[in-house]
Amino acid sequence: MKKGLIFLSVILFIMFLIGCSNNNAQNNNEQNNEQINNNENNNDSNESNENTDMNEGNEEDEAVDGDINEDNGKEEDEDEVVEVQDPLYELTEVWTVRPIEPETTNSNVVLLTIDDSFDTSSKKQYYALEMAEILQNLDASAIFFVNGAGLQGSESHIEENREMLRKLYEMGFEIGNHTMTHPNLREISEEEQRQQIVELNDLIEEIIGERPRFFRAPFGANTDYSRQVVEEEGMQWMNWSYGFDYFPQYVGDAEALTEIMLDPTSEGVSLTNGANLLMHDRDFTTEALHDIVVGLQEKGFEIVNPSLIK
């Protein structure tokens, strides 16, 4: 009997141990499953985060690329250079203009030139800007051959003259050299001739940032030495074909000036292709300018842009 109780106790103890072992195994399995699930969730989360990071990175890269493209576009716009047209015309030995390639370039042109702006250091009314506006409205151009006497000094009217010159240049008009003080070059020394030409080139460059390409001597009185200085300065010199606003019979009469500029035969000259027409910075010439230009255009002449002259 006693042995039977002992045997039964051993059996019960063994069953208890087996039950505990199964519970531990189940708990371990559940813990392992939970760990596996956690790992899978973590992996999914990591993958999701990686995908999100990659997408964000791609978006950032695209944004950067877009910024770069925009920047490149801005740089391309900023670096864009305005194309400069090659010269189409050249000066002849008698100061008219002719096409470099007559087969492809219009020869029915005239050149307008306007002298004597800023010819005195005293306060004076100049009409250059008004003349430029008239020309611009008619799609015409000209060379303004200026003096330097009215551009040098510290007085308020001198600064107004300098500002007028800057505006002429900014409007696209060619600025020519007509000497500092308008002397007859044949009546002064070589040293003074050089000073009259070079000093004005320096002054014009100081005001507009560019040296003149063309020179006209006062009264058309050139000398061998002045032509040498002009060549050293990289300029071309010119006189003119005709002009009448300094002839006594036309001074102050805009209507008469218009008629003679359009038909100069009574003065023994002709209006021909390439003619180099002389006018001055004067009130009655300004009054006549519109009708002169319109009359030339109606005769079939194009007003040549000096920038197209070689």
Foldseek 3Di string as FASTA:
>chain_A
DVVVVVVVVVVVVVVVVVVVVVVVVVVVVVVVVVVVVVVVVVVVVVVVVVVVVVVVVVVVVVVVVVVVVVVVVVVCVVPDDDDQDAFQWAADPQGFIAGPDNVPDDQQAEAEEAEEQQQACDQDDWCVLVLLVLQVVVVFAHEYAYAARLCDDDDPSNVVSLVSLQVCVVSPYAYEHAFHNQDQVVPDDLVVLLCRGVVVQVSSCVRNVHGHQEYAYRVNRDDPSNCVSCVVVNHYYHDFQDAPCVPVVCPPPLVVRLVCLLAVVVVPGGDDGRGHYYHYRDDSVSVNSNSNVVSSVVVVYGHDGCSSYD
